[in-house]
Amino acid sequence: MGMEWSFRLMFLGLLGVGLIGMFVCRKWPILGVLILPLIAWGGMTLMTELNHLHENEVITAKAGMNLRYIILFYLVTATSTVFVVIGVLQGWRHRKLGVYPR
């Protein structure tokens, strides 16, 4: 009873956007305005995919009724958001101090 590959790829993709966003926002903090809505859209898409009525019944039986997967979706979305916010805060701090990250 493993997780479907499409769900794993969506998890990794959303975490990847968060990590890349963190490093990009350290250099250009204003890009957080673009990256944070992208993460919100990705998290919303994950939940919609999980709860979609026309999904494959096997996937829904494995993941749709399992509270663990729903918690994982929220956790991945929150973690990605925190990564980007950390990058933005570091970028603003570096700009305030006059030290730019490399």
Protein backbone atom coordinates (compact mmCIF):
# COMPACT_ATOMS: atom_id res chain seq x y z
CA MET A 1 0.00 0.00 0.00
CA GLY A 2 2.49 2.59 -1.11
CA MET A 3 1.86 6.09 -2.23
CA GLU A 4 1.18 6.56 -5.94
CA TRP A 5 4.10 7.89 -7.99
CA SER A 6 2.14 10.93 -9.12
CA PHE A 7 1.63 11.95 -5.49
CA ARG A 8 5.31 11.45 -4.73
CA LEU A 9 6.30 13.61 -7.69
CA MET A 10 3.88 16.33 -6.59
CA PHE A 11 5.31 16.23 -3.06
CA LEU A 12 8.87 16.45 -4.34
CA GLY A 13 7.95 19.17 -6.84
CA LEU A 14 6.34 21.34 -4.21
CA LEU A 15 9.25 20.87 -1.81
CA GLY A 16 11.65 21.63 -4.67
CA VAL A 17 9.83 24.89 -5.42
CA GLY A 18 10.10 25.79 -1.74
CA LEU A 19 13.83 25.05 -1.55
CA ILE A 20 14.66 26.80 -4.81
CA GLY A 21 12.44 29.70 -3.75
CA MET A 22 14.36 30.01 -0.50
CA PHE A 23 17.69 30.41 -2.28
CA VAL A 24 16.28 32.72 -4.96
CA CYS A 25 14.56 34.91 -2.37
CA ARG A 26 17.82 35.29 -0.44
CA LYS A 27 19.20 37.12 -3.47
CA TRP A 28 15.97 38.84 -4.60
CA PRO A 29 13.44 38.97 -1.71
CA ILE A 30 10.73 40.57 -3.86
CA LEU A 31 10.37 37.31 -5.82
CA GLY A 32 8.60 35.88 -2.78
CA VAL A 33 5.54 37.73 -4.10
CA LEU A 34 5.60 35.40 -7.13
CA ILE A 35 6.75 32.19 -5.48
CA LEU A 36 4.35 32.14 -2.51
CA PRO A 37 1.20 32.19 -4.70
CA LEU A 38 2.78 29.43 -6.81
CA ILE A 39 3.16 27.29 -3.69
CA ALA A 40 -0.41 28.07 -2.60
CA TRP A 41 -1.67 27.10 -6.04
CA GLY A 42 0.36 23.87 -5.94
CA GLY A 43 -0.99 22.94 -2.52
CA MET A 44 -4.53 23.70 -3.62
CA THR A 45 -3.99 21.55 -6.73
CA LEU A 46 -2.74 18.67 -4.58
CA MET A 47 -5.84 18.78 -2.39
CA THR A 48 -8.13 19.08 -5.41
CA GLU A 49 -6.44 16.10 -7.04
CA LEU A 50 -6.84 14.07 -3.88
CA ASN A 51 -10.52 14.93 -3.47
CA HIS A 52 -11.50 14.91 -7.15
CA LEU A 53 -14.70 12.97 -7.75
CA HIS A 54 -13.62 11.53 -11.09
CA GLU A 55 -10.29 10.17 -9.87
CA ASN A 56 -9.36 6.57 -10.22
CA GLU A 57 -11.18 4.66 -7.48
CA VAL A 58 -8.02 2.75 -6.56
CA ILE A 59 -6.12 5.98 -5.88
CA THR A 60 -9.03 7.39 -3.93
CA ALA A 61 -9.30 4.21 -1.89
CA LYS A 62 -5.57 4.32 -1.10
CA ALA A 63 -5.09 8.04 -0.50
CA GLY A 64 -8.40 9.89 -0.46
CA MET A 65 -9.74 8.43 2.75
CA ASN A 66 -6.39 8.21 4.50
CA LEU A 67 -5.85 11.04 6.97
CA ARG A 68 -2.09 10.53 6.78
CA TYR A 69 -1.96 11.70 3.15
CA ILE A 70 -4.11 14.74 3.84
CA ILE A 71 -1.81 15.73 6.70
CA LEU A 72 1.20 15.19 4.41
CA PHE A 73 -0.29 17.52 1.78
CA TYR A 74 -0.74 20.29 4.34
CA LEU A 75 2.70 19.65 5.83
CA VAL A 76 4.45 19.84 2.45
CA THR A 77 2.62 23.05 1.54
CA ALA A 78 3.43 24.64 4.91
CA THR A 79 7.07 23.54 4.76
CA SER A 80 7.53 24.97 1.28
CA THR A 81 5.96 28.24 2.39
CA VAL A 82 8.23 28.42 5.43
CA PHE A 83 11.29 27.84 3.24
CA VAL A 84 10.39 30.79 1.01
CA VAL A 85 9.57 33.05 3.98
CA ILE A 86 12.96 32.19 5.52
CA GLY A 87 14.65 33.11 2.25
CA VAL A 88 12.77 36.41 2.04
CA LEU A 89 13.65 37.31 5.64
CA GLN A 90 17.32 36.45 5.06
CA GLY A 91 17.34 38.51 1.87
CA TRP A 92 15.82 41.53 3.59
CA ARG A 93 18.27 41.20 6.47
CA HIS A 94 21.24 40.99 4.11
CA ARG A 95 20.03 44.02 2.19
CA LYS A 96 19.53 45.96 5.42
CA LEU A 97 23.07 45.09 6.54
CA GLY A 98 24.48 45.78 3.07
CA VAL A 99 25.78 42.21 2.65
CA TYR A 100 24.46 40.37 -0.36
CA PRO A 101 24.41 36.55 -0.43
CA ARG A 102 26.39 34.85 -3.15
